[in-house]
Amino acid sequence: MFEGFESRRVATSGADIHLRIGGDGPPLALLHGYPQTHVIWHRVAPALAERFTVVCPDLRGYGDSSKPPGGGDHSTYAKRAMAVDVVEVMEALGFLRFAAAGHDRGARVLHRLALDHPQRLTRAAVLDIAPTRAMYRATDQAFATAYFHWFFLIQPYDLPERMIAADPDGWLQSCLDRWGRGDGAFDPEAVAEYKRCFREPAAIHASCEDYRAAAGIDLRHDEADADRLVECPLLALWGAEGFVGRSYDVPALWRAAAERVSGEALPCGHFLPEEAPAATRDALLAFFSAGA
């Protein structure tokens, strides 16, 4: 996987970030989600690297990046802090302005980055999410059932940590099976890598802190910015067979959060870059090439 890419490690003001970088051209950051690592992009990144300099970091707390303690208010894993990591990584690589795509938690980091650092982003693509604040405000039984992990992972330390640590491989596999199509879309090498990283107790704790932050400090940040819009062009992609696509008017929610929105559903579940890599690649290439 990631043939032609090189591994690097960049120290930010809050974490040490492991990443893969490859290709040549305008800079493009690809941000992963839960419970995965940068490896989710392995079927898409090589094609994008033919047109862009592609940077695939492990978010703080995930993969081979460092996993700082969460802190009482969970601010270490606020999307604001994680967005700073991305900005500082790209700057360390020589990119003051860049495009970015984010899936799942990475898309939530990207949404915050777009609000906090609008001068840094040229274009942004969010994959299979609706804005966090909108999803919490619309919570109902269907959402709580399908996304029960949002409410499980935010429970006080260390209840979810201990329960997941009893069988981390089983928990991770259940996430892939529940949210994906379950038809062999995942490369065994990629799944093995996800499990290797997720077995680390610090990774389990950090991922819980990510969700605890989302239900607390992130919501306070979102409330404070409720009247602000993402300024750069934004592409929303979602899986037609996933919960987000079935349950929300995704374009409408993003039009309420951004100035210029385009988007489409892709024929897959939650994990677009692995379940529908060709469609994901083509959509991202078209969108980011338009601004290159």
C-alpha atoms as a PDB file:
ATOM      1  CA  MET A   1       0.000   0.000   0.000  1.00  0.00           C
ATOM      2  CA  PHE A   2       1.040   3.607  -0.674  1.00  0.00           C
ATOM      3  CA  GLU A   3       3.708   2.676  -3.206  1.00  0.00           C
ATOM      4  CA  GLY A   4       5.847   5.731  -3.956  1.00  0.00           C
ATOM      5  CA  PHE A   5       4.903   7.462  -0.689  1.00  0.00           C
ATOM      6  CA  GLU A   6       7.358   8.090   2.122  1.00  0.00           C
ATOM      7  CA  SER A   7       6.729   8.087   5.854  1.00  0.00           C
ATOM      8  CA  ARG A   8       7.563  11.131   7.946  1.00  0.00           C
ATOM      9  CA  ARG A   9       7.015  12.363  11.470  1.00  0.00           C
ATOM     10  CA  VAL A  10       6.290  16.014  12.218  1.00  0.00           C
ATOM     11  CA  ALA A  11       6.278  17.560  15.694  1.00  0.00           C
ATOM     12  CA  THR A  12       3.445  20.050  16.162  1.00  0.00           C
ATOM     13  CA  SER A  13       2.859  22.239  19.196  1.00  0.00           C
ATOM     14  CA  GLY A  14       0.612  19.555  20.688  1.00  0.00           C
ATOM     15  CA  ALA A  15       1.530  16.176  19.231  1.00  0.00           C
ATOM     16  CA  ASP A  16       3.924  14.183  17.061  1.00  0.00           C
ATOM     17  CA  ILE A  17       2.149  13.363  13.827  1.00  0.00           C
ATOM     18  CA  HIS A  18       2.994  10.377  11.647  1.00  0.00           C
ATOM     19  CA  LEU A  19       2.140  10.776   7.963  1.00  0.00           C
ATOM     20  CA  ARG A  20       2.631   9.506   4.441  1.00  0.00           C
ATOM     21  CA  ILE A  21       3.457  11.927   1.648  1.00  0.00           C
ATOM     22  CA  GLY A  22       3.667  11.331  -2.084  1.00  0.00           C
ATOM     23  CA  GLY A  23       3.094  12.846  -5.487  1.00  0.00           C
ATOM     24  CA  ASP A  24       3.751  16.248  -6.971  1.00  0.00           C
ATOM     25  CA  GLY A  25       1.613  19.321  -7.493  1.00  0.00           C
ATOM     26  CA  PRO A  26      -0.702  21.411  -5.329  1.00  0.00           C
ATOM     27  CA  PRO A  27      -0.909  20.216  -1.710  1.00  0.00           C
ATOM     28  CA  LEU A  28      -3.839  18.044  -0.632  1.00  0.00           C
ATOM     29  CA  ALA A  29      -4.321  16.696   2.902  1.00  0.00           C
ATOM     30  CA  LEU A  30      -6.438  13.583   3.459  1.00  0.00           C
ATOM     31  CA  LEU A  31      -7.815  13.094   6.980  1.00  0.00           C
ATOM     32  CA  HIS A  32      -9.140   9.772   8.246  1.00  0.00           C
ATOM     33  CA  GLY A  33     -11.858   8.883  10.743  1.00  0.00           C
ATOM     34  CA  TYR A  34     -12.725   6.455  13.547  1.00  0.00           C
ATOM     35  CA  PRO A  35     -11.545   3.796  14.251  1.00  0.00           C
ATOM     36  CA  GLN A  36      -9.056   3.882  11.409  1.00  0.00           C
ATOM     37  CA  THR A  37      -5.788   5.508  10.358  1.00  0.00           C
ATOM     38  CA  HIS A  38      -4.444   7.202   7.238  1.00  0.00           C
ATOM     39  CA  VAL A  39      -4.548   3.747   5.627  1.00  0.00           C
ATOM     40  CA  ILE A  40      -8.222   4.265   4.709  1.00  0.00           C
ATOM     41  CA  TRP A  41      -6.922   6.297   1.755  1.00  0.00           C
ATOM     42  CA  HIS A  42      -4.761   3.502   0.307  1.00  0.00           C
ATOM     43  CA  ARG A  43      -7.039   2.937  -2.710  1.00  0.00           C
ATOM     44  CA  VAL A  44      -7.482   6.640  -3.494  1.00  0.00           C
ATOM     45  CA  ALA A  45      -4.234   8.405  -2.557  1.00  0.00           C
ATOM     46  CA  PRO A  46      -2.018   6.966  -5.354  1.00  0.00           C
ATOM     47  CA  ALA A  47      -4.349   8.250  -8.078  1.00  0.00           C
ATOM     48  CA  LEU A  48      -4.644  11.651  -6.399  1.00  0.00           C
ATOM     49  CA  ALA A  49      -0.837  11.770  -6.133  1.00  0.00           C
ATOM     50  CA  GLU A  50      -0.625  11.828  -9.932  1.00  0.00           C
ATOM     51  CA  ARG A  51      -2.076  15.345  -9.756  1.00  0.00           C
ATOM     52  CA  PHE A  52      -1.341  16.564  -6.206  1.00  0.00           C
ATOM     53  CA  THR A  53       1.186  16.369  -3.409  1.00  0.00           C
ATOM     54  CA  VAL A  54      -0.857  14.145  -1.124  1.00  0.00           C
ATOM     55  CA  VAL A  55      -0.344  14.229   2.657  1.00  0.00           C
ATOM     56  CA  CYS A  56      -2.048  11.528   4.722  1.00  0.00           C
ATOM     57  CA  PRO A  57      -1.529  12.067   8.464  1.00  0.00           C
ATOM     58  CA  ASP A  58      -2.655   9.948  11.370  1.00  0.00           C
ATOM     59  CA  LEU A  59      -4.739  12.281  13.535  1.00  0.00           C
ATOM     60  CA  ARG A  60      -3.441  12.780  17.060  1.00  0.00           C
ATOM     61  CA  GLY A  61      -4.502   9.823  19.167  1.00  0.00           C
ATOM     62  CA  TYR A  62      -4.732   7.498  16.171  1.00  0.00           C
ATOM     63  CA  GLY A  63      -2.388   5.281  14.184  1.00  0.00           C
ATOM     64  CA  ASP A  64       1.276   5.922  14.854  1.00  0.00           C
ATOM     65  CA  SER A  65       0.812   9.539  15.919  1.00  0.00           C
ATOM     66  CA  SER A  66       1.326  10.442  19.574  1.00  0.00           C
ATOM     67  CA  LYS A  67      -1.498  10.109  22.061  1.00  0.00           C
ATOM     68  CA  PRO A  68      -1.341  12.915  24.637  1.00  0.00           C
ATOM     69  CA  PRO A  69      -3.463  12.692  27.803  1.00  0.00           C
ATOM     70  CA  GLY A  70      -7.024  13.908  27.386  1.00  0.00           C
ATOM     71  CA  GLY A  71      -7.336  16.370  30.258  1.00  0.00           C
ATOM     72  CA  GLY A  72     -10.333  17.233  32.396  1.00  0.00           C
ATOM     73  CA  ASP A  73     -12.201  19.213  29.735  1.00  0.00           C
ATOM     74  CA  HIS A  74     -11.066  16.894  26.890  1.00  0.00           C
ATOM     75  CA  SER A  75      -9.628  19.928  25.096  1.00  0.00           C
ATOM     76  CA  THR A  76      -6.555  17.965  24.025  1.00  0.00           C
ATOM     77  CA  TYR A  77      -8.855  16.196  21.569  1.00  0.00           C
ATOM     78  CA  ALA A  78     -11.011  19.162  20.646  1.00  0.00           C
ATOM     79  CA  LYS A  79     -11.333  19.467  16.891  1.00  0.00           C
ATOM     80  CA  ARG A  80      -9.757  22.901  17.317  1.00  0.00           C
ATOM     81  CA  ALA A  81      -6.562  21.304  18.667  1.00  0.00           C
ATOM     82  CA  MET A  82      -6.571  18.574  16.040  1.00  0.00           C
ATOM     83  CA  ALA A  83      -7.041  21.171  13.299  1.00  0.00           C
ATOM     84  CA  VAL A  84      -3.959  23.019  14.555  1.00  0.00           C
ATOM     85  CA  ASP A  85      -1.999  19.793  14.089  1.00  0.00           C
ATOM     86  CA  VAL A  86      -3.032  19.691  10.433  1.00  0.00           C
ATOM     87  CA  VAL A  87      -2.158  23.354   9.847  1.00  0.00           C
ATOM     88  CA  GLU A  88       1.247  22.956  11.518  1.00  0.00           C
ATOM     89  CA  VAL A  89       2.020  19.722   9.680  1.00  0.00           C
ATOM     90  CA  MET A  90       1.249  21.297   6.314  1.00  0.00           C
ATOM     91  CA  GLU A  91       3.273  24.396   7.176  1.00  0.00           C
ATOM     92  CA  ALA A  92       6.229  22.251   8.255  1.00  0.00           C
ATOM     93  CA  LEU A  93       6.049  20.577   4.840  1.00  0.00           C
ATOM     94  CA  GLY A  94       6.130  23.997   3.171  1.00  0.00           C
ATOM     95  CA  PHE A  95       2.411  24.472   2.466  1.00  0.00           C
ATOM     96  CA  LEU A  96       0.784  27.624   3.856  1.00  0.00           C
ATOM     97  CA  ARG A  97      -2.359  27.053   1.782  1.00  0.00           C
ATOM     98  CA  PHE A  98      -3.755  23.682   0.837  1.00  0.00           C
ATOM     99  CA  ALA A  99      -6.845  21.704  -0.053  1.00  0.00           C
ATOM    100  CA  ALA A 100      -8.148  18.935   2.196  1.00  0.00           C
ATOM    101  CA  ALA A 101     -10.606  16.079   2.346  1.00  0.00           C
ATOM    102  CA  GLY A 102     -11.777  14.448   5.550  1.00  0.00           C
ATOM    103  CA  HIS A 103     -13.754  11.310   6.274  1.00  0.00           C
ATOM    104  CA  ASP A 104     -15.782  10.796   9.461  1.00  0.00           C
ATOM    105  CA  ARG A 105     -13.851  12.314  12.419  1.00  0.00           C
ATOM    106  CA  GLY A 106     -11.348  13.765   9.974  1.00  0.00           C
ATOM    107  CA  ALA A 107     -14.188  15.644   8.297  1.00  0.00           C
ATOM    108  CA  ARG A 108     -15.157  17.122  11.670  1.00  0.00           C
ATOM    109  CA  VAL A 109     -11.555  18.240  12.159  1.00  0.00           C
ATOM    110  CA  LEU A 110     -11.674  19.746   8.675  1.00  0.00           C
ATOM    111  CA  HIS A 111     -14.923  21.617   9.396  1.00  0.00           C
ATOM    112  CA  ARG A 112     -13.298  23.227  12.446  1.00  0.00           C
ATOM    113  CA  LEU A 113     -10.115  23.960  10.472  1.00  0.00           C
ATOM    114  CA  ALA A 114     -12.187  25.762   7.838  1.00  0.00           C
ATOM    115  CA  LEU A 115     -13.751  27.988  10.506  1.00  0.00           C
ATOM    116  CA  ASP A 116     -10.605  28.652  12.544  1.00  0.00           C
ATOM    117  CA  HIS A 117      -8.121  28.975   9.667  1.00  0.00           C
ATOM    118  CA  PRO A 118     -10.054  30.070   6.568  1.00  0.00           C
ATOM    119  CA  GLN A 119      -6.947  31.613   5.042  1.00  0.00           C
ATOM    120  CA  ARG A 120      -5.277  28.199   4.937  1.00  0.00           C
ATOM    121  CA  LEU A 121      -7.852  26.257   2.923  1.00  0.00           C
ATOM    122  CA  THR A 122      -8.405  26.506  -0.801  1.00  0.00           C
ATOM    123  CA  ARG A 123     -11.072  23.776  -0.996  1.00  0.00           C
ATOM    124  CA  ALA A 124     -12.565  21.246   1.420  1.00  0.00           C
ATOM    125  CA  ALA A 125     -14.372  17.936   0.964  1.00  0.00           C
ATOM    126  CA  VAL A 126     -16.293  16.270   3.796  1.00  0.00           C
ATOM    127  CA  LEU A 127     -17.122  12.575   3.476  1.00  0.00           C
ATOM    128  CA  ASP A 128     -20.183  10.977   5.059  1.00  0.00           C
ATOM    129  CA  ILE A 129     -20.953  13.403   7.831  1.00  0.00           C
ATOM    130  CA  ALA A 130     -23.443  16.090   8.632  1.00  0.00           C
ATOM    131  CA  PRO A 131     -22.302  18.927  10.919  1.00  0.00           C
ATOM    132  CA  THR A 132     -21.837  17.716  14.509  1.00  0.00           C
ATOM    133  CA  ARG A 133     -24.098  20.361  16.043  1.00  0.00           C
ATOM    134  CA  ALA A 134     -26.900  19.572  13.600  1.00  0.00           C
ATOM    135  CA  MET A 135     -26.706  15.851  14.316  1.00  0.00           C
ATOM    136  CA  TYR A 136     -26.816  16.287  18.090  1.00  0.00           C
ATOM    137  CA  ARG A 137     -29.695  18.764  17.857  1.00  0.00           C
ATOM    138  CA  ALA A 138     -31.722  16.265  15.792  1.00  0.00           C
ATOM    139  CA  THR A 139     -31.068  13.275  18.052  1.00  0.00           C
ATOM    140  CA  ASP A 140     -33.902  10.755  18.057  1.00  0.00           C
ATOM    141  CA  GLN A 141     -34.271   7.035  18.664  1.00  0.00           C
ATOM    142  CA  ALA A 142     -33.087   6.114  15.165  1.00  0.00           C
ATOM    143  CA  PHE A 143     -29.907   8.166  15.535  1.00  0.00           C
ATOM    144  CA  ALA A 144     -29.222   6.922  19.067  1.00  0.00           C
ATOM    145  CA  THR A 145     -29.650   3.325  17.884  1.00  0.00           C
ATOM    146  CA  ALA A 146     -27.526   3.580  14.753  1.00  0.00           C
ATOM    147  CA  TYR A 147     -24.877   5.810  16.344  1.00  0.00           C
ATOM    148  CA  PHE A 148     -24.955   4.354  19.851  1.00  0.00           C
ATOM    149  CA  HIS A 149     -21.165   4.594  19.915  1.00  0.00           C
ATOM    150  CA  TRP A 150     -21.465   8.401  20.116  1.00  0.00           C
ATOM    151  CA  PHE A 151     -23.160   7.969  23.479  1.00  0.00           C
ATOM    152  CA  PHE A 152     -21.128   4.971  24.652  1.00  0.00           C
ATOM    153  CA  LEU A 153     -17.697   6.479  24.015  1.00  0.00           C
ATOM    154  CA  ILE A 154     -18.498   9.724  25.848  1.00  0.00           C
ATOM    155  CA  GLN A 155     -19.183   7.924  29.136  1.00  0.00           C
ATOM    156  CA  PRO A 156     -16.780   8.885  31.943  1.00  0.00           C
ATOM    157  CA  TYR A 157     -13.290   7.436  32.047  1.00  0.00           C
ATOM    158  CA  ASP A 158     -12.639   4.541  32.108  1.00  0.00           C
ATOM    159  CA  LEU A 159     -15.841   2.587  31.455  1.00  0.00           C
ATOM    160  CA  PRO A 160     -15.720   2.488  27.633  1.00  0.00           C
ATOM    161  CA  GLU A 161     -11.922   2.084  27.692  1.00  0.00           C
ATOM    162  CA  ARG A 162     -12.143  -1.050  29.840  1.00  0.00           C
ATOM    163  CA  MET A 163     -14.981  -2.571  27.846  1.00  0.00           C
ATOM    164  CA  ILE A 164     -13.289  -2.019  24.476  1.00  0.00           C
ATOM    165  CA  ALA A 165      -9.912  -3.195  25.803  1.00  0.00           C
ATOM    166  CA  ALA A 166     -11.476  -6.576  26.605  1.00  0.00           C
ATOM    167  CA  ASP A 167     -11.644  -7.258  22.841  1.00  0.00           C
ATOM    168  CA  PRO A 168     -10.265  -4.365  20.758  1.00  0.00           C
ATOM    169  CA  ASP A 169     -10.102  -6.435  17.569  1.00  0.00           C
ATOM    170  CA  GLY A 170     -13.708  -7.476  17.965  1.00  0.00           C
ATOM    171  CA  TRP A 171     -14.860  -3.920  18.611  1.00  0.00           C
ATOM    172  CA  LEU A 172     -13.018  -2.534  15.601  1.00  0.00           C
ATOM    173  CA  GLN A 173     -14.302  -5.289  13.340  1.00  0.00           C
ATOM    174  CA  SER A 174     -17.852  -4.652  14.542  1.00  0.00           C
ATOM    175  CA  CYS A 175     -17.494  -0.987  13.552  1.00  0.00           C
ATOM    176  CA  LEU A 176     -16.434  -1.931  10.041  1.00  0.00           C
ATOM    177  CA  ASP A 177     -19.214  -4.509   9.759  1.00  0.00           C
ATOM    178  CA  ARG A 178     -21.970  -2.213  11.093  1.00  0.00           C
ATOM    179  CA  TRP A 179     -21.154   0.906   9.115  1.00  0.00           C
ATOM    180  CA  GLY A 180     -19.811  -0.620   5.899  1.00  0.00           C
ATOM    181  CA  ARG A 181     -21.538  -2.835   3.387  1.00  0.00           C
ATOM    182  CA  GLY A 182     -19.917  -5.997   4.759  1.00  0.00           C
ATOM    183  CA  ASP A 183     -19.206  -7.458   1.313  1.00  0.00           C
ATOM    184  CA  GLY A 184     -15.443  -7.790   1.471  1.00  0.00           C
ATOM    185  CA  ALA A 185     -14.770  -4.144   0.674  1.00  0.00           C
ATOM    186  CA  PHE A 186     -11.910  -3.928   3.176  1.00  0.00           C
ATOM    187  CA  ASP A 187      -8.410  -5.047   2.266  1.00  0.00           C
ATOM    188  CA  PRO A 188      -7.189  -7.570   4.881  1.00  0.00           C
ATOM    189  CA  GLU A 189      -3.858  -5.762   5.046  1.00  0.00           C
ATOM    190  CA  ALA A 190      -5.647  -2.502   5.865  1.00  0.00           C
ATOM    191  CA  VAL A 191      -7.817  -4.149   8.526  1.00  0.00           C
ATOM    192  CA  ALA A 192      -4.743  -5.733  10.105  1.00  0.00           C
ATOM    193  CA  GLU A 193      -3.146  -2.299  10.286  1.00  0.00           C
ATOM    194  CA  TYR A 194      -6.231  -0.763  11.896  1.00  0.00           C
ATOM    195  CA  LYS A 195      -6.255  -3.507  14.505  1.00  0.00           C
ATOM    196  CA  ARG A 196      -2.518  -3.206  15.197  1.00  0.00           C
ATOM    197  CA  CYS A 197      -2.880   0.467  15.997  1.00  0.00           C
ATOM    198  CA  PHE A 198      -6.163   0.199  17.884  1.00  0.00           C
ATOM    199  CA  ARG A 199      -4.926  -2.483  20.283  1.00  0.00           C
ATOM    200  CA  GLU A 200      -2.811   0.123  22.084  1.00  0.00           C
ATOM    201  CA  PRO A 201      -4.605   1.189  25.286  1.00  0.00           C
ATOM    202  CA  ALA A 202      -3.565   4.802  24.689  1.00  0.00           C
ATOM    203  CA  ALA A 203      -5.283   4.705  21.287  1.00  0.00           C
ATOM    204  CA  ILE A 204      -8.518   3.408  22.803  1.00  0.00           C
ATOM    205  CA  HIS A 205      -8.433   6.162  25.422  1.00  0.00           C
ATOM    206  CA  ALA A 206      -7.576   8.861  22.875  1.00  0.00           C
ATOM    207  CA  SER A 207     -10.454   7.835  20.623  1.00  0.00           C
ATOM    208  CA  CYS A 208     -12.870   8.030  23.568  1.00  0.00           C
ATOM    209  CA  GLU A 209     -11.498  11.499  24.322  1.00  0.00           C
ATOM    210  CA  ASP A 210     -12.153  12.463  20.702  1.00  0.00           C
ATOM    211  CA  TYR A 211     -15.851  11.679  21.197  1.00  0.00           C
ATOM    212  CA  ARG A 212     -15.996  13.203  24.682  1.00  0.00           C
ATOM    213  CA  ALA A 213     -14.649  16.420  23.202  1.00  0.00           C
ATOM    214  CA  ALA A 214     -17.260  16.284  20.442  1.00  0.00           C
ATOM    215  CA  ALA A 215     -20.069  16.144  22.986  1.00  0.00           C
ATOM    216  CA  GLY A 216     -18.629  18.957  25.093  1.00  0.00           C
ATOM    217  CA  ILE A 217     -15.993  21.489  24.145  1.00  0.00           C
ATOM    218  CA  ASP A 218     -16.532  21.018  20.405  1.00  0.00           C
ATOM    219  CA  LEU A 219     -20.225  21.813  20.771  1.00  0.00           C
ATOM    220  CA  ARG A 220     -19.377  24.972  22.713  1.00  0.00           C
ATOM    221  CA  HIS A 221     -17.041  26.027  19.905  1.00  0.00           C
ATOM    222  CA  ASP A 222     -19.748  25.239  17.345  1.00  0.00           C
ATOM    223  CA  GLU A 223     -22.358  27.214  19.269  1.00  0.00           C
ATOM    224  CA  ALA A 224     -20.028  30.216  19.408  1.00  0.00           C
ATOM    225  CA  ASP A 225     -19.608  29.996  15.621  1.00  0.00           C
ATOM    226  CA  ALA A 226     -23.225  29.190  14.817  1.00  0.00           C
ATOM    227  CA  ASP A 227     -23.543  32.218  12.517  1.00  0.00           C
ATOM    228  CA  ARG A 228     -20.272  31.671  10.658  1.00  0.00           C
ATOM    229  CA  LEU A 229     -20.008  29.877   7.323  1.00  0.00           C
ATOM    230  CA  VAL A 230     -17.196  27.931   5.716  1.00  0.00           C
ATOM    231  CA  GLU A 231     -15.793  30.329   3.149  1.00  0.00           C
ATOM    232  CA  CYS A 232     -13.968  28.037   0.706  1.00  0.00           C
ATOM    233  CA  PRO A 233     -15.783  25.810  -1.795  1.00  0.00           C
ATOM    234  CA  LEU A 234     -17.033  22.690  -0.022  1.00  0.00           C
ATOM    235  CA  LEU A 235     -17.844  19.290  -1.487  1.00  0.00           C
ATOM    236  CA  ALA A 236     -20.067  16.930   0.507  1.00  0.00           C
ATOM    237  CA  LEU A 237     -19.990  13.241  -0.402  1.00  0.00           C
ATOM    238  CA  TRP A 238     -21.963  10.568   1.382  1.00  0.00           C
ATOM    239  CA  GLY A 239     -22.812   6.892   1.082  1.00  0.00           C
ATOM    240  CA  ALA A 240     -26.276   6.326  -0.354  1.00  0.00           C
ATOM    241  CA  GLU A 241     -26.536   3.091   1.649  1.00  0.00           C
ATOM    242  CA  GLY A 242     -25.288   4.555   4.954  1.00  0.00           C
ATOM    243  CA  PHE A 243     -27.143   6.096   7.889  1.00  0.00           C
ATOM    244  CA  VAL A 244     -26.150   9.674   7.055  1.00  0.00           C
ATOM    245  CA  GLY A 245     -27.408   9.417   3.503  1.00  0.00           C
ATOM    246  CA  ARG A 246     -30.668   7.747   4.519  1.00  0.00           C
ATOM    247  CA  SER A 247     -31.411  10.027   7.454  1.00  0.00           C
ATOM    248  CA  TYR A 248     -30.389  13.589   6.575  1.00  0.00           C
ATOM    249  CA  ASP A 249     -30.729  16.093   3.779  1.00  0.00           C
ATOM    250  CA  VAL A 250     -26.948  16.323   3.586  1.00  0.00           C
ATOM    251  CA  PRO A 251     -26.708  19.127   0.991  1.00  0.00           C
ATOM    252  CA  ALA A 252     -29.201  21.272   2.896  1.00  0.00           C
ATOM    253  CA  LEU A 253     -27.339  20.893   6.186  1.00  0.00           C
ATOM    254  CA  TRP A 254     -24.055  21.867   4.556  1.00  0.00           C
ATOM    255  CA  ARG A 255     -25.630  24.783   2.688  1.00  0.00           C
ATOM    256  CA  ALA A 256     -26.574  26.101   6.126  1.00  0.00           C
ATOM    257  CA  ALA A 257     -22.914  25.770   7.193  1.00  0.00           C
ATOM    258  CA  ALA A 258     -20.963  26.873   4.096  1.00  0.00           C
ATOM    259  CA  GLU A 259     -21.117  29.543   1.417  1.00  0.00           C
ATOM    260  CA  ARG A 260     -20.536  27.355  -1.652  1.00  0.00           C
ATOM    261  CA  VAL A 261     -21.626  23.724  -1.512  1.00  0.00           C
ATOM    262  CA  SER A 262     -21.766  20.926  -4.041  1.00  0.00           C
ATOM    263  CA  GLY A 263     -22.194  17.236  -3.425  1.00  0.00           C
ATOM    264  CA  GLU A 264     -23.510  13.830  -4.325  1.00  0.00           C
ATOM    265  CA  ALA A 265     -24.267  10.400  -2.923  1.00  0.00           C
ATOM    266  CA  LEU A 266     -21.962   7.521  -3.832  1.00  0.00           C
ATOM    267  CA  PRO A 267     -23.038   3.862  -4.132  1.00  0.00           C
ATOM    268  CA  CYS A 268     -21.716   2.594  -0.807  1.00  0.00           C
ATOM    269  CA  GLY A 269     -22.006   2.642   2.955  1.00  0.00           C
ATOM    270  CA  HIS A 270     -19.976   4.756   5.347  1.00  0.00           C
ATOM    271  CA  PHE A 271     -16.407   4.013   4.236  1.00  0.00           C
ATOM    272  CA  LEU A 272     -16.368   5.758   0.859  1.00  0.00           C
ATOM    273  CA  PRO A 273     -12.616   5.536   0.090  1.00  0.00           C
ATOM    274  CA  GLU A 274     -12.637   1.764   0.607  1.00  0.00           C
ATOM    275  CA  GLU A 275     -16.133   0.770  -0.512  1.00  0.00           C
ATOM    276  CA  ALA A 276     -16.334   3.018  -3.591  1.00  0.00           C
ATOM    277  CA  PRO A 277     -12.724   4.014  -4.330  1.00  0.00           C
ATOM    278  CA  ALA A 278     -13.216   4.761  -8.036  1.00  0.00           C
ATOM    279  CA  ALA A 279     -16.241   6.986  -7.460  1.00  0.00           C
ATOM    280  CA  THR A 280     -14.521   8.692  -4.520  1.00  0.00           C
ATOM    281  CA  ARG A 281     -11.351   9.236  -6.542  1.00  0.00           C
ATOM    282  CA  ASP A 282     -13.225  10.686  -9.500  1.00  0.00           C
ATOM    283  CA  ALA A 283     -15.308  13.046  -7.363  1.00  0.00           C
ATOM    284  CA  LEU A 284     -12.279  14.312  -5.458  1.00  0.00           C
ATOM    285  CA  LEU A 285     -10.173  14.709  -8.605  1.00  0.00           C
ATOM    286  CA  ALA A 286     -12.886  16.729 -10.330  1.00  0.00           C
ATOM    287  CA  PHE A 287     -13.487  18.951  -7.322  1.00  0.00           C
ATOM    288  CA  PHE A 288      -9.885  19.659  -6.375  1.00  0.00           C
ATOM    289  CA  SER A 289      -8.668  19.996  -9.964  1.00  0.00           C
ATOM    290  CA  ALA A 290     -11.214  22.765 -10.500  1.00  0.00           C
ATOM    291  CA  GLY A 291      -9.369  24.857  -7.937  1.00  0.00           C
ATOM    292  CA  ALA A 292      -5.802  23.864  -8.809  1.00  0.00           C
END
